[in-house]
């Protein structure tokens, strides 16, 4: 790659661009006297999550199933309290990371490639990110989720890209490994300076 790199940079959303605080949820779990991590254990159980991120069920149905799981395991009070905390949870958007990537590789396509539910478009709008990406690859739109190889192949096809001329940034090591095996220049996100150094070293 050169300083005129005009390939594609695929970037994950949660854990890379959007960062959740989590403190309010943990505090609510403590208030309700349930173990820390109770909400996310229910929400991210594969049997419950995978249908949501592959579009088999909508975001609202996923939330309803999480709430029912919590009610069955604990009580309606716990379920209601944790769902309210989840829906009100604070997060930050790393606009600087996106700006710095675009400054390093201004001719590159910047593509959001994420495992997300049908609520992604609403989330991007609320986060002022509707015009931040040249394209969005949402797992629930294509019925394929990372780390399935088909997700990466579909992302390349949708953006008219090749793995050999693409960068992949994700905070999940397994996703990064699959991308690297296909031929992407792939990096597991730890922090902004580390990712920027990775891209600089490719130029």
N, C-alpha and C. Protein backbone atom coordinates (compact mmCIF):
# COMPACT_ATOMS: atom_id res chain seq x y z
N UNK A 1 0.84 -1.19 0.00
CA UNK A 1 0.00 0.00 0.00
C UNK A 1 0.88 1.25 0.00
N UNK A 2 0.33 2.35 -0.48
CA UNK A 2 1.08 3.59 -0.55
C UNK A 2 0.25 4.70 0.07
N UNK A 3 0.85 5.91 0.09
CA UNK A 3 0.11 7.03 0.67
C UNK A 3 -1.07 7.45 -0.19
N UNK A 4 -1.19 6.84 -1.37
CA UNK A 4 -2.36 7.08 -2.21
C UNK A 4 -3.31 5.88 -2.16
N UNK A 5 -3.23 5.12 -1.08
CA UNK A 5 -4.06 3.94 -0.91
C UNK A 5 -5.53 4.26 -1.18
N UNK A 6 -6.12 3.54 -2.10
CA UNK A 6 -7.52 3.79 -2.43
C UNK A 6 -8.35 2.53 -2.30
N UNK A 7 -7.90 1.65 -1.40
CA UNK A 7 -8.66 0.45 -1.12
C UNK A 7 -9.79 0.72 -0.13
N UNK A 8 -10.11 -0.27 0.68
CA UNK A 8 -11.24 -0.17 1.60
C UNK A 8 -10.78 -0.45 3.02
N UNK A 9 -11.26 0.35 3.94
CA UNK A 9 -11.01 0.13 5.36
C UNK A 9 -12.34 -0.25 6.01
N UNK A 10 -12.42 -1.50 6.45
CA UNK A 10 -13.61 -2.00 7.13
C UNK A 10 -13.40 -1.85 8.63
N UNK A 11 -14.38 -1.27 9.32
CA UNK A 11 -14.22 -0.99 10.75
C UNK A 11 -15.47 -1.44 11.51
N UNK A 12 -15.25 -2.05 12.66
CA UNK A 12 -16.33 -2.51 13.52
C UNK A 12 -16.97 -1.33 14.24
N UNK A 13 -18.13 -1.57 14.83
CA UNK A 13 -18.85 -0.50 15.52
C UNK A 13 -18.59 -0.56 17.03
N UNK A 14 -19.28 -1.46 17.73
CA UNK A 14 -19.14 -1.52 19.18
C UNK A 14 -17.74 -2.00 19.57
N UNK A 15 -17.14 -1.27 20.48
CA UNK A 15 -15.80 -1.60 20.94
C UNK A 15 -14.70 -0.95 20.15
N UNK A 16 -15.05 -0.33 19.02
CA UNK A 16 -14.07 0.36 18.19
C UNK A 16 -14.49 1.81 17.96
N UNK A 17 -15.68 2.00 17.43
CA UNK A 17 -16.22 3.35 17.20
C UNK A 17 -17.13 3.77 18.34
N UNK A 18 -17.98 2.86 18.77
CA UNK A 18 -18.88 3.16 19.89
C UNK A 18 -18.41 2.40 21.14
N UNK A 19 -18.29 3.15 22.24
CA UNK A 19 -17.80 2.56 23.48
C UNK A 19 -18.84 2.77 24.58
N UNK A 20 -19.32 1.66 25.13
CA UNK A 20 -20.33 1.72 26.19
C UNK A 20 -19.67 1.90 27.55
N UNK A 21 -20.26 2.73 28.39
CA UNK A 21 -19.71 2.96 29.73
C UNK A 21 -19.93 1.73 30.62
N UNK A 22 -21.17 1.24 30.67
CA UNK A 22 -21.47 0.03 31.44
C UNK A 22 -21.68 0.26 32.92
N UNK A 23 -21.26 1.41 33.43
CA UNK A 23 -21.34 1.64 34.87
C UNK A 23 -22.78 1.64 35.39
N UNK A 24 -23.68 2.26 34.63
CA UNK A 24 -25.07 2.34 35.07
C UNK A 24 -25.70 0.97 35.15
N UNK A 25 -25.38 0.11 34.19
CA UNK A 25 -25.94 -1.24 34.20
C UNK A 25 -25.42 -2.03 35.38
N UNK A 26 -24.12 -1.94 35.64
CA UNK A 26 -23.55 -2.65 36.78
C UNK A 26 -24.13 -2.14 38.09
N UNK A 27 -24.33 -0.84 38.17
CA UNK A 27 -24.91 -0.26 39.38
C UNK A 27 -26.34 -0.76 39.58
N UNK A 28 -27.08 -0.86 38.48
CA UNK A 28 -28.47 -1.33 38.60
C UNK A 28 -28.51 -2.80 38.99
N UNK A 29 -27.58 -3.58 38.45
CA UNK A 29 -27.51 -4.99 38.85
C UNK A 29 -27.24 -5.10 40.35
N UNK A 30 -26.35 -4.25 40.85
CA UNK A 30 -26.06 -4.26 42.29
C UNK A 30 -27.28 -3.86 43.10
N UNK A 31 -28.00 -2.83 42.64
CA UNK A 31 -29.21 -2.38 43.33
C UNK A 31 -30.25 -3.50 43.41
N UNK A 32 -30.33 -4.27 42.33
CA UNK A 32 -31.34 -5.33 42.24
C UNK A 32 -30.85 -6.64 42.85
N UNK A 33 -29.58 -6.62 43.34
CA UNK A 33 -28.99 -7.78 44.01
C UNK A 33 -28.92 -9.01 43.10
N UNK A 34 -28.47 -8.76 41.87
CA UNK A 34 -28.19 -9.86 40.95
C UNK A 34 -26.72 -9.78 40.56
N UNK A 35 -26.12 -10.87 40.12
CA UNK A 35 -24.69 -10.85 39.80
C UNK A 35 -24.35 -9.86 38.69
N UNK A 36 -23.17 -9.25 38.80
CA UNK A 36 -22.67 -8.39 37.74
C UNK A 36 -22.55 -9.21 36.46
N UNK A 37 -23.07 -8.66 35.37
CA UNK A 37 -23.03 -9.37 34.09
C UNK A 37 -24.31 -10.12 33.76
N UNK A 38 -25.28 -10.05 34.67
CA UNK A 38 -26.54 -10.78 34.46
C UNK A 38 -27.22 -10.36 33.15
N UNK A 39 -27.31 -9.05 32.92
CA UNK A 39 -27.99 -8.58 31.71
C UNK A 39 -27.30 -9.07 30.45
N UNK A 40 -25.99 -8.89 30.38
CA UNK A 40 -25.28 -9.24 29.15
C UNK A 40 -25.20 -10.75 28.95
N UNK A 41 -25.21 -11.50 30.03
CA UNK A 41 -25.25 -12.96 29.89
C UNK A 41 -26.54 -13.38 29.20
N UNK A 42 -27.62 -12.73 29.57
CA UNK A 42 -28.90 -13.04 28.93
C UNK A 42 -28.95 -12.51 27.49
N UNK A 43 -28.48 -11.29 27.29
CA UNK A 43 -28.60 -10.66 25.98
C UNK A 43 -27.69 -11.30 24.94
N UNK A 44 -26.49 -11.71 25.36
CA UNK A 44 -25.50 -12.18 24.39
C UNK A 44 -25.35 -13.69 24.37
N UNK A 45 -26.26 -14.39 25.02
CA UNK A 45 -26.33 -15.83 24.84
C UNK A 45 -26.52 -16.13 23.35
N UNK A 46 -25.70 -17.01 22.78
CA UNK A 46 -25.70 -17.21 21.34
C UNK A 46 -27.08 -17.59 20.80
N UNK A 47 -27.78 -18.44 21.51
CA UNK A 47 -29.09 -18.89 21.02
C UNK A 47 -30.07 -17.73 20.91
N UNK A 48 -29.86 -16.71 21.73
CA UNK A 48 -30.74 -15.54 21.71
C UNK A 48 -30.20 -14.46 20.78
N UNK A 49 -28.88 -14.28 20.77
CA UNK A 49 -28.27 -13.19 20.00
C UNK A 49 -28.20 -13.48 18.50
N UNK A 50 -27.80 -14.69 18.14
CA UNK A 50 -27.53 -14.97 16.72
C UNK A 50 -28.74 -14.69 15.83
N UNK A 51 -29.95 -15.09 16.20
CA UNK A 51 -31.10 -14.74 15.35
C UNK A 51 -31.28 -13.23 15.18
N UNK A 52 -30.90 -12.46 16.21
CA UNK A 52 -31.06 -11.00 16.14
C UNK A 52 -30.04 -10.37 15.22
N UNK A 53 -28.80 -10.87 15.22
CA UNK A 53 -27.76 -10.25 14.40
C UNK A 53 -27.71 -10.84 12.99
N UNK A 54 -28.54 -11.82 12.73
CA UNK A 54 -28.64 -12.34 11.36
C UNK A 54 -30.00 -12.04 10.75
N UNK A 55 -30.79 -11.23 11.43
CA UNK A 55 -32.05 -10.75 10.86
C UNK A 55 -33.21 -11.72 10.94
N UNK A 56 -33.04 -12.83 11.63
CA UNK A 56 -34.15 -13.77 11.78
C UNK A 56 -35.26 -13.17 12.63
N UNK A 57 -34.85 -12.40 13.65
CA UNK A 57 -35.82 -11.67 14.47
C UNK A 57 -35.40 -10.20 14.51
N UNK A 58 -36.34 -9.32 14.72
CA UNK A 58 -36.04 -7.89 14.77
C UNK A 58 -35.48 -7.52 16.14
N UNK A 59 -34.96 -6.32 16.25
CA UNK A 59 -34.36 -5.86 17.49
C UNK A 59 -35.36 -5.91 18.64
N UNK A 60 -36.59 -5.51 18.38
CA UNK A 60 -37.60 -5.47 19.43
C UNK A 60 -37.91 -6.87 19.95
N UNK A 61 -37.94 -7.85 19.05
CA UNK A 61 -38.20 -9.23 19.48
C UNK A 61 -37.04 -9.76 20.31
N UNK A 62 -35.82 -9.37 19.94
CA UNK A 62 -34.65 -9.77 20.72
C UNK A 62 -34.74 -9.19 22.13
N UNK A 63 -35.03 -7.91 22.24
CA UNK A 63 -35.16 -7.29 23.55
C UNK A 63 -36.24 -7.97 24.38
N UNK A 64 -37.35 -8.30 23.74
CA UNK A 64 -38.45 -8.96 24.45
C UNK A 64 -38.00 -10.32 24.98
N UNK A 65 -37.21 -11.03 24.19
CA UNK A 65 -36.75 -12.36 24.63
C UNK A 65 -35.76 -12.23 25.78
N UNK A 66 -34.94 -11.19 25.76
CA UNK A 66 -34.00 -10.94 26.86
C UNK A 66 -34.78 -10.62 28.13
N UNK A 67 -35.77 -9.77 28.00
CA UNK A 67 -36.59 -9.40 29.16
C UNK A 67 -37.30 -10.61 29.75
N UNK A 68 -37.82 -11.48 28.89
CA UNK A 68 -38.51 -12.66 29.37
C UNK A 68 -37.55 -13.61 30.07
N UNK A 69 -36.35 -13.73 29.52
CA UNK A 69 -35.32 -14.57 30.15
C UNK A 69 -35.01 -14.08 31.56
N UNK A 70 -34.85 -12.78 31.70
CA UNK A 70 -34.55 -12.20 33.01
C UNK A 70 -35.72 -12.37 33.99
N UNK A 71 -36.93 -12.22 33.48
CA UNK A 71 -38.11 -12.39 34.33
C UNK A 71 -38.22 -13.83 34.81
N UNK A 72 -37.94 -14.77 33.92
CA UNK A 72 -38.02 -16.18 34.28
C UNK A 72 -36.94 -16.56 35.29
N UNK A 73 -35.76 -15.98 35.12
CA UNK A 73 -34.63 -16.33 35.98
C UNK A 73 -34.69 -15.62 37.34
N UNK A 74 -35.27 -14.42 37.35
CA UNK A 74 -35.28 -13.62 38.57
C UNK A 74 -36.69 -13.17 38.92
N UNK A 75 -37.12 -12.05 38.32
CA UNK A 75 -38.46 -11.54 38.58
C UNK A 75 -38.77 -10.47 37.54
N UNK A 76 -40.03 -10.10 37.46
CA UNK A 76 -40.42 -9.03 36.56
C UNK A 76 -39.76 -7.71 36.95
N UNK A 77 -39.58 -7.50 38.23
CA UNK A 77 -38.94 -6.27 38.71
C UNK A 77 -37.50 -6.19 38.23
N UNK A 78 -36.78 -7.28 38.35
CA UNK A 78 -35.40 -7.32 37.88
C UNK A 78 -35.36 -7.11 36.36
N UNK A 79 -36.23 -7.80 35.66
CA UNK A 79 -36.25 -7.69 34.21
C UNK A 79 -36.52 -6.25 33.77
N UNK A 80 -37.50 -5.64 34.36
CA UNK A 80 -37.87 -4.27 34.00
C UNK A 80 -36.73 -3.30 34.34
N UNK A 81 -36.15 -3.47 35.50
CA UNK A 81 -35.08 -2.58 35.92
C UNK A 81 -33.84 -2.67 35.05
N UNK A 82 -33.44 -3.88 34.69
CA UNK A 82 -32.25 -4.04 33.85
C UNK A 82 -32.49 -3.59 32.42
N UNK A 83 -33.68 -3.81 31.90
CA UNK A 83 -33.97 -3.37 30.54
C UNK A 83 -33.98 -1.85 30.47
N UNK A 84 -34.51 -1.20 31.48
CA UNK A 84 -34.50 0.26 31.51
C UNK A 84 -33.07 0.80 31.58
N UNK A 85 -32.24 0.16 32.39
CA UNK A 85 -30.84 0.59 32.50
C UNK A 85 -30.11 0.40 31.17
N UNK A 86 -30.39 -0.68 30.49
CA UNK A 86 -29.77 -0.97 29.20
C UNK A 86 -30.15 0.10 28.17
N UNK A 87 -31.44 0.40 28.12
CA UNK A 87 -31.92 1.35 27.12
C UNK A 87 -31.43 2.77 27.39
N UNK A 88 -31.06 3.06 28.63
CA UNK A 88 -30.57 4.40 28.98
C UNK A 88 -29.05 4.46 29.12
N UNK A 89 -28.37 3.37 28.82
CA UNK A 89 -26.92 3.29 29.06
C UNK A 89 -26.17 4.33 28.24
N UNK A 90 -25.14 4.88 28.85
CA UNK A 90 -24.32 5.91 28.20
C UNK A 90 -23.26 5.27 27.30
N UNK A 91 -22.92 5.99 26.24
CA UNK A 91 -21.83 5.56 25.36
C UNK A 91 -21.16 6.80 24.78
N UNK A 92 -19.97 6.59 24.24
CA UNK A 92 -19.28 7.65 23.52
C UNK A 92 -18.95 7.17 22.12
N UNK A 93 -18.85 8.11 21.20
CA UNK A 93 -18.46 7.82 19.82
C UNK A 93 -17.08 8.41 19.58
N UNK A 94 -16.18 7.59 19.04
CA UNK A 94 -14.82 8.07 18.78
C UNK A 94 -14.75 8.71 17.40
N UNK A 95 -15.26 9.94 17.32
CA UNK A 95 -15.23 10.68 16.06
C UNK A 95 -13.79 10.97 15.64
N UNK A 96 -12.91 11.14 16.62
CA UNK A 96 -11.51 11.43 16.30
C UNK A 96 -10.86 10.27 15.56
N UNK A 97 -11.17 9.06 15.96
CA UNK A 97 -10.60 7.90 15.28
C UNK A 97 -11.00 7.90 13.80
N UNK A 98 -12.27 8.14 13.53
CA UNK A 98 -12.73 8.15 12.15
C UNK A 98 -12.07 9.27 11.35
N UNK A 99 -11.96 10.43 11.97
CA UNK A 99 -11.33 11.57 11.29
C UNK A 99 -9.86 11.30 11.01
N UNK A 100 -9.19 10.69 11.97
CA UNK A 100 -7.76 10.42 11.80
C UNK A 100 -7.52 9.36 10.73
N UNK A 101 -8.37 8.36 10.67
CA UNK A 101 -8.25 7.34 9.63
C UNK A 101 -8.44 7.98 8.26
N UNK A 102 -9.44 8.82 8.14
CA UNK A 102 -9.69 9.47 6.86
C UNK A 102 -8.57 10.42 6.47
N UNK A 103 -7.93 11.03 7.47
CA UNK A 103 -6.80 11.91 7.19
C UNK A 103 -5.59 11.11 6.70
N UNK A 104 -5.40 9.92 7.26
CA UNK A 104 -4.28 9.06 6.86
C UNK A 104 -4.49 8.49 5.46
N UNK A 105 -5.74 8.12 5.16
CA UNK A 105 -6.03 7.48 3.88
C UNK A 105 -7.26 8.13 3.25
N UNK A 106 -7.12 9.37 2.77
CA UNK A 106 -8.27 10.13 2.30
C UNK A 106 -8.97 9.54 1.08
N UNK A 107 -8.26 8.74 0.30
CA UNK A 107 -8.87 8.16 -0.90
C UNK A 107 -9.50 6.79 -0.63
N UNK A 108 -9.32 6.27 0.56
CA UNK A 108 -9.87 4.96 0.89
C UNK A 108 -11.37 5.04 1.15
N UNK A 109 -12.05 3.95 0.87
CA UNK A 109 -13.45 3.83 1.28
C UNK A 109 -13.46 3.39 2.74
N UNK A 110 -14.27 4.05 3.55
CA UNK A 110 -14.43 3.68 4.95
C UNK A 110 -15.79 3.02 5.12
N UNK A 111 -15.76 1.75 5.50
CA UNK A 111 -16.97 0.94 5.55
C UNK A 111 -17.19 0.40 6.96
N UNK A 112 -18.39 0.61 7.49
CA UNK A 112 -18.76 0.02 8.77
C UNK A 112 -19.14 -1.44 8.52
N UNK A 113 -18.48 -2.36 9.22
CA UNK A 113 -18.76 -3.79 9.05
C UNK A 113 -19.03 -4.36 10.43
N UNK A 114 -20.29 -4.61 10.73
CA UNK A 114 -20.65 -4.89 12.11
C UNK A 114 -21.73 -5.96 12.25
N UNK A 115 -21.63 -6.72 13.32
CA UNK A 115 -22.73 -7.58 13.74
C UNK A 115 -23.72 -6.71 14.49
N UNK A 116 -24.87 -6.49 13.91
CA UNK A 116 -25.83 -5.58 14.53
C UNK A 116 -27.25 -6.06 14.24
N UNK A 117 -28.18 -5.51 14.99
CA UNK A 117 -29.59 -5.85 14.81
C UNK A 117 -30.24 -4.88 13.82
N UNK A 118 -31.52 -5.01 13.68
CA UNK A 118 -32.27 -4.14 12.78
C UNK A 118 -32.34 -2.70 13.29
N UNK A 119 -31.81 -2.44 14.46
CA UNK A 119 -31.83 -1.09 15.04
C UNK A 119 -30.61 -0.27 14.63
N UNK A 120 -29.70 -0.83 13.83
CA UNK A 120 -28.45 -0.14 13.53
C UNK A 120 -28.67 1.22 12.89
N UNK A 121 -29.54 1.31 11.90
CA UNK A 121 -29.76 2.59 11.22
C UNK A 121 -30.20 3.66 12.20
N UNK A 122 -31.07 3.30 13.13
CA UNK A 122 -31.52 4.25 14.16
C UNK A 122 -30.36 4.66 15.05
N UNK A 123 -29.51 3.70 15.41
CA UNK A 123 -28.36 3.99 16.26
C UNK A 123 -27.39 4.94 15.56
N UNK A 124 -27.16 4.72 14.27
CA UNK A 124 -26.26 5.59 13.53
C UNK A 124 -26.82 7.01 13.45
N UNK A 125 -28.11 7.11 13.26
CA UNK A 125 -28.74 8.43 13.21
C UNK A 125 -28.61 9.15 14.54
N UNK A 126 -28.88 8.44 15.63
CA UNK A 126 -28.80 9.04 16.96
C UNK A 126 -27.36 9.45 17.31
N UNK A 127 -26.40 8.77 16.71
CA UNK A 127 -24.99 9.04 17.00
C UNK A 127 -24.36 10.02 16.02
N UNK A 128 -25.18 10.58 15.12
CA UNK A 128 -24.68 11.52 14.11
C UNK A 128 -23.63 10.88 13.20
N UNK A 129 -23.89 9.63 12.80
CA UNK A 129 -22.95 8.89 11.98
C UNK A 129 -23.53 8.51 10.62
N UNK A 130 -24.67 9.08 10.26
CA UNK A 130 -25.33 8.67 9.02
C UNK A 130 -24.46 8.92 7.78
N UNK A 131 -23.61 9.94 7.83
CA UNK A 131 -22.78 10.26 6.67
C UNK A 131 -21.30 9.96 6.93
N UNK A 132 -21.02 9.20 7.97
CA UNK A 132 -19.62 8.95 8.35
C UNK A 132 -18.96 7.86 7.52
N UNK A 133 -19.77 7.01 6.88
CA UNK A 133 -19.22 5.85 6.18
C UNK A 133 -19.65 5.85 4.72
N UNK A 134 -18.77 5.30 3.89
CA UNK A 134 -19.11 5.17 2.46
C UNK A 134 -20.11 4.05 2.23
N UNK A 135 -20.13 3.09 3.13
CA UNK A 135 -21.09 1.98 3.05
C UNK A 135 -21.21 1.36 4.43
N UNK A 136 -22.30 0.63 4.63
CA UNK A 136 -22.54 -0.08 5.89
C UNK A 136 -22.86 -1.53 5.58
N UNK A 137 -22.12 -2.44 6.19
CA UNK A 137 -22.41 -3.87 6.08
C UNK A 137 -22.92 -4.31 7.45
N UNK A 138 -24.22 -4.56 7.51
CA UNK A 138 -24.89 -4.93 8.75
C UNK A 138 -25.27 -6.41 8.68
N UNK A 139 -24.80 -7.19 9.63
CA UNK A 139 -25.05 -8.64 9.62
C UNK A 139 -26.53 -8.97 9.51
N UNK A 140 -27.40 -8.19 10.15
CA UNK A 140 -28.83 -8.51 10.11
C UNK A 140 -29.45 -8.21 8.75
N UNK A 141 -28.76 -7.43 7.93
CA UNK A 141 -29.24 -7.18 6.57
C UNK A 141 -28.83 -8.29 5.60
N UNK A 142 -27.68 -8.92 5.86
CA UNK A 142 -27.16 -9.91 4.91
C UNK A 142 -27.31 -11.34 5.42
N UNK A 143 -27.88 -11.51 6.61
CA UNK A 143 -28.13 -12.84 7.19
C UNK A 143 -26.85 -13.64 7.38
N UNK A 144 -25.75 -12.92 7.62
CA UNK A 144 -24.46 -13.53 7.90
C UNK A 144 -23.77 -12.70 8.97
N UNK A 145 -23.12 -13.37 9.91
CA UNK A 145 -22.47 -12.64 11.00
C UNK A 145 -21.01 -13.05 11.14
N UNK A 146 -20.18 -12.08 11.50
CA UNK A 146 -18.80 -12.40 11.85
C UNK A 146 -18.80 -13.40 13.00
N UNK A 147 -17.94 -14.40 13.05
CA UNK A 147 -16.78 -14.60 12.17
C UNK A 147 -17.02 -15.52 10.98
N UNK A 148 -18.27 -15.69 10.55
CA UNK A 148 -18.52 -16.53 9.37
C UNK A 148 -17.78 -15.96 8.16
N UNK A 149 -17.12 -16.82 7.41
CA UNK A 149 -16.36 -16.35 6.26
C UNK A 149 -17.27 -15.66 5.26
N UNK A 150 -18.50 -16.13 5.16
CA UNK A 150 -19.44 -15.54 4.23
C UNK A 150 -19.69 -14.07 4.49
N UNK A 151 -19.62 -13.65 5.76
CA UNK A 151 -19.80 -12.22 6.07
C UNK A 151 -18.74 -11.40 5.36
N UNK A 152 -17.48 -11.84 5.45
CA UNK A 152 -16.38 -11.09 4.86
C UNK A 152 -16.47 -11.10 3.33
N UNK A 153 -16.83 -12.24 2.78
CA UNK A 153 -16.97 -12.33 1.33
C UNK A 153 -18.09 -11.43 0.83
N UNK A 154 -19.19 -11.38 1.56
CA UNK A 154 -20.30 -10.52 1.18
C UNK A 154 -19.92 -9.05 1.32
N UNK A 155 -19.18 -8.71 2.37
CA UNK A 155 -18.74 -7.33 2.56
C UNK A 155 -17.85 -6.88 1.41
N UNK A 156 -16.96 -7.75 0.97
CA UNK A 156 -16.09 -7.41 -0.17
C UNK A 156 -16.92 -7.23 -1.43
N UNK A 157 -17.87 -8.13 -1.65
CA UNK A 157 -18.71 -8.05 -2.84
C UNK A 157 -19.55 -6.79 -2.86
N UNK A 158 -20.14 -6.46 -1.73
CA UNK A 158 -21.02 -5.28 -1.64
C UNK A 158 -20.27 -3.98 -1.91
N UNK A 159 -19.00 -3.96 -1.56
CA UNK A 159 -18.23 -2.72 -1.67
C UNK A 159 -17.26 -2.74 -2.85
N UNK A 160 -17.37 -3.79 -3.67
CA UNK A 160 -16.48 -3.93 -4.84
C UNK A 160 -15.02 -3.83 -4.42
N UNK A 161 -14.69 -4.58 -3.38
CA UNK A 161 -13.34 -4.54 -2.82
C UNK A 161 -12.69 -5.92 -2.92
N UNK A 162 -11.39 -5.95 -2.71
CA UNK A 162 -10.66 -7.21 -2.60
C UNK A 162 -9.98 -7.26 -1.24
N UNK A 163 -9.83 -8.45 -0.70
CA UNK A 163 -9.19 -8.58 0.60
C UNK A 163 -7.77 -8.04 0.58
N UNK A 164 -7.08 -8.26 -0.52
CA UNK A 164 -5.68 -7.86 -0.62
C UNK A 164 -5.50 -6.35 -0.60
N UNK A 165 -6.53 -5.60 -0.89
CA UNK A 165 -6.44 -4.14 -0.86
C UNK A 165 -7.37 -3.56 0.21
N UNK A 166 -7.61 -4.36 1.27
CA UNK A 166 -8.52 -3.92 2.33
C UNK A 166 -7.90 -4.09 3.70
N UNK A 167 -8.31 -3.19 4.60
CA UNK A 167 -7.93 -3.23 6.00
C UNK A 167 -9.17 -3.62 6.80
N UNK A 168 -8.97 -4.42 7.85
CA UNK A 168 -10.09 -4.83 8.70
C UNK A 168 -9.73 -4.52 10.15
N UNK A 169 -10.59 -3.76 10.82
CA UNK A 169 -10.37 -3.35 12.21
C UNK A 169 -11.53 -3.85 13.06
N UNK A 170 -11.21 -4.63 14.08
CA UNK A 170 -12.25 -5.22 14.93
C UNK A 170 -11.66 -5.44 16.32
N UNK A 171 -12.52 -5.49 17.34
CA UNK A 171 -12.01 -5.73 18.69
C UNK A 171 -12.14 -7.19 19.10
N UNK A 172 -12.56 -8.05 18.18
CA UNK A 172 -12.70 -9.47 18.46
C UNK A 172 -11.60 -10.24 17.74
N UNK A 173 -10.76 -10.92 18.50
CA UNK A 173 -9.60 -11.60 17.93
C UNK A 173 -9.99 -12.66 16.90
N UNK A 174 -11.07 -13.35 17.15
CA UNK A 174 -11.49 -14.40 16.20
C UNK A 174 -11.91 -13.78 14.86
N UNK A 175 -12.63 -12.68 14.91
CA UNK A 175 -13.02 -12.00 13.68
C UNK A 175 -11.78 -11.54 12.90
N UNK A 176 -10.82 -11.02 13.64
CA UNK A 176 -9.58 -10.53 13.01
C UNK A 176 -8.83 -11.68 12.36
N UNK A 177 -8.78 -12.82 13.02
CA UNK A 177 -8.05 -13.96 12.48
C UNK A 177 -8.69 -14.47 11.19
N UNK A 178 -10.01 -14.55 11.17
CA UNK A 178 -10.69 -14.99 9.95
C UNK A 178 -10.41 -14.03 8.81
N UNK A 179 -10.49 -12.74 9.09
CA UNK A 179 -10.21 -11.73 8.06
C UNK A 179 -8.79 -11.87 7.54
N UNK A 180 -7.84 -12.06 8.45
CA UNK A 180 -6.45 -12.20 8.05
C UNK A 180 -6.25 -13.45 7.19
N UNK A 181 -6.93 -14.53 7.54
CA UNK A 181 -6.81 -15.77 6.77
C UNK A 181 -7.32 -15.60 5.34
N UNK A 182 -8.31 -14.71 5.17
CA UNK A 182 -8.87 -14.47 3.84
C UNK A 182 -7.93 -13.58 3.01
N UNK A 183 -7.11 -12.78 3.69
CA UNK A 183 -6.18 -11.92 2.97
C UNK A 183 -6.23 -10.46 3.34
N UNK A 184 -7.11 -10.08 4.27
CA UNK A 184 -7.17 -8.70 4.75
C UNK A 184 -5.90 -8.36 5.53
N UNK A 185 -5.53 -7.09 5.54
CA UNK A 185 -4.60 -6.57 6.53
C UNK A 185 -5.45 -6.27 7.76
N UNK A 186 -5.35 -7.14 8.76
CA UNK A 186 -6.31 -7.09 9.87
C UNK A 186 -5.63 -6.79 11.19
N UNK A 187 -6.31 -6.01 12.02
CA UNK A 187 -5.77 -5.63 13.32
C UNK A 187 -6.86 -5.73 14.38
N UNK A 188 -6.49 -6.25 15.54
CA UNK A 188 -7.41 -6.32 16.67
C UNK A 188 -7.29 -5.02 17.48
N UNK A 189 -8.37 -4.28 17.52
CA UNK A 189 -8.37 -2.97 18.17
C UNK A 189 -8.06 -3.07 19.66
N UNK A 190 -7.12 -2.24 20.10
CA UNK A 190 -6.85 -2.06 21.53
C UNK A 190 -7.08 -0.61 21.94
N UNK A 191 -6.60 0.30 21.09
CA UNK A 191 -6.79 1.72 21.34
C UNK A 191 -6.54 2.48 20.04
N UNK A 192 -6.88 3.75 20.04
CA UNK A 192 -6.76 4.54 18.82
C UNK A 192 -5.32 4.65 18.31
N UNK A 193 -4.33 5.01 19.15
CA UNK A 193 -2.97 5.13 18.63
C UNK A 193 -2.46 3.84 17.99
N UNK A 194 -2.80 2.71 18.58
CA UNK A 194 -2.36 1.42 18.03
C UNK A 194 -2.92 1.19 16.64
N UNK A 195 -4.20 1.50 16.44
CA UNK A 195 -4.82 1.30 15.13
C UNK A 195 -4.23 2.26 14.10
N UNK A 196 -4.02 3.50 14.51
CA UNK A 196 -3.45 4.47 13.58
C UNK A 196 -2.03 4.09 13.18
N UNK A 197 -1.25 3.56 14.12
CA UNK A 197 0.10 3.09 13.79
C UNK A 197 0.03 1.94 12.80
N UNK A 198 -0.92 1.06 12.98
CA UNK A 198 -1.09 -0.08 12.07
C UNK A 198 -1.35 0.41 10.64
N UNK A 199 -2.24 1.37 10.51
CA UNK A 199 -2.57 1.89 9.19
C UNK A 199 -1.36 2.62 8.60
N UNK A 200 -0.70 3.42 9.42
CA UNK A 200 0.48 4.14 8.94
C UNK A 200 1.55 3.19 8.41
N UNK A 201 1.72 2.07 9.07
CA UNK A 201 2.73 1.10 8.66
C UNK A 201 2.38 0.41 7.35
N UNK A 202 1.11 0.50 6.97
CA UNK A 202 0.69 -0.11 5.69
C UNK A 202 0.86 0.83 4.53
N UNK A 203 0.97 2.11 4.81
CA UNK A 203 1.02 3.13 3.74
C UNK A 203 2.40 3.16 3.08
